[in-house]
Amino acid sequence: MLHLRIIVPTDRSAVVQEMLSADPAVAHVIVLPGAARTPPGDVVLCDVVREGADEVLETLRTLGVDRAWVPTRWSGTRSSRRPVRRPGSR
């Protein structure tokens, strides 16, 4: 089983919730309205059986959830930083 944590724009949250709840490959749908800060939106958590993951992810793409929050203003900042070595890390 795969665990998904999805940040959904508030205006698309109801559609995403309905889609996930209706899909037999999805279980344990949890919605945290307004919980996401960066980017802002609702946090939706769910478990998906491996066999159904491709279809669920494709449906989310069709709904535009993957394109809703493209972090263009962060380009070249966080993603390009080297990992920080901390005590106890290997």
Protein backbone atom coordinates (compact mmCIF):
# COMPACT_ATOMS: atom_id res chain seq x y z
CA MET A 1 0.00 0.00 0.00
CA LEU A 2 1.22 3.51 -0.84
CA HIS A 3 0.56 6.53 1.32
CA LEU A 4 -0.17 9.77 -0.55
CA ARG A 5 0.07 13.24 0.94
CA ILE A 6 -1.42 15.72 -1.52
CA ILE A 7 -1.68 19.49 -1.28
CA VAL A 8 -4.83 20.44 -3.15
CA PRO A 9 -5.93 23.96 -4.03
CA THR A 10 -9.05 24.74 -2.03
CA ASP A 11 -11.16 25.22 -5.16
CA ARG A 12 -10.38 21.64 -6.31
CA SER A 13 -10.54 19.91 -2.95
CA ALA A 14 -14.15 18.69 -3.14
CA VAL A 15 -13.62 17.08 -6.57
CA VAL A 16 -10.42 15.36 -5.39
CA GLN A 17 -12.13 14.11 -2.24
CA GLU A 18 -15.03 12.68 -4.25
CA MET A 19 -12.70 11.01 -6.73
CA LEU A 20 -10.57 9.40 -4.04
CA SER A 21 -13.57 8.28 -1.96
CA ALA A 22 -15.20 6.64 -4.99
CA ASP A 23 -12.09 4.73 -6.12
CA PRO A 24 -11.96 1.14 -4.79
CA ALA A 25 -8.13 1.26 -4.83
CA VAL A 26 -8.15 4.08 -2.22
CA ALA A 27 -8.67 3.73 1.52
CA HIS A 28 -8.44 5.95 4.58
CA VAL A 29 -9.11 9.34 2.99
CA ILE A 30 -8.30 12.14 5.42
CA VAL A 31 -8.81 15.83 4.64
CA LEU A 32 -7.18 18.63 6.59
CA PRO A 33 -8.84 21.82 5.31
CA GLY A 34 -6.46 24.76 5.05
CA ALA A 35 -3.58 22.86 6.67
CA ALA A 36 -1.00 23.51 3.94
CA ARG A 37 0.87 26.78 4.22
CA THR A 38 3.40 26.67 1.35
CA PRO A 39 1.77 26.28 -1.05
CA PRO A 40 -1.57 27.12 0.54
CA GLY A 41 -4.39 24.62 0.28
CA ASP A 42 -5.98 21.55 1.79
CA VAL A 43 -3.91 18.52 2.73
CA VAL A 44 -5.44 15.25 1.58
CA LEU A 45 -4.00 11.98 2.88
CA CYS A 46 -4.92 8.53 1.64
CA ASP A 47 -3.66 4.99 1.14
CA VAL A 48 -3.66 3.45 -2.33
CA VAL A 49 -3.05 -0.17 -3.27
CA ARG A 50 -0.04 -0.50 -5.56
CA GLU A 51 -2.10 -1.94 -8.38
CA GLY A 52 -4.30 1.17 -8.49
CA ALA A 53 -1.66 3.85 -7.96
CA ASP A 54 -1.03 4.64 -11.64
CA GLU A 55 -4.72 5.22 -12.30
CA VAL A 56 -5.18 7.37 -9.19
CA LEU A 57 -2.14 9.51 -10.03
CA GLU A 58 -3.26 9.90 -13.64
CA THR A 59 -6.71 11.04 -12.49
CA LEU A 60 -5.09 13.60 -10.16
CA ARG A 61 -3.04 14.85 -13.12
CA THR A 62 -6.22 15.10 -15.22
CA LEU A 63 -7.75 17.25 -12.46
CA GLY A 64 -4.70 19.51 -12.67
CA VAL A 65 -3.52 18.88 -9.13
CA ASP A 66 0.06 18.27 -10.31
CA ARG A 67 0.20 21.64 -12.08
CA ALA A 68 -1.67 23.74 -9.57
CA TRP A 69 1.32 24.80 -7.51
CA VAL A 70 4.49 24.92 -9.59
CA PRO A 71 7.18 26.42 -7.36
CA THR A 72 8.81 28.61 -10.01
CA ARG A 73 9.88 31.24 -7.49
CA TRP A 74 11.87 28.59 -5.59
CA SER A 75 13.78 27.48 -8.66
CA GLY A 76 17.46 27.14 -7.88
CA THR A 77 17.13 27.56 -4.13
CA ARG A 78 16.02 24.71 -1.91
CA SER A 79 16.16 22.00 -4.53
CA SER A 80 19.78 22.73 -5.46
CA ARG A 81 21.19 22.88 -1.96
CA ARG A 82 23.50 20.10 -0.91
CA PRO A 83 22.36 18.02 2.06
CA VAL A 84 23.58 19.33 5.39
CA ARG A 85 25.68 16.89 7.39
CA ARG A 86 24.35 16.63 10.91
CA PRO A 87 25.67 14.69 13.87
CA GLY A 88 24.58 11.09 13.55
CA SER A 89 23.97 11.27 9.77
CA ARG A 90 25.85 8.96 7.44
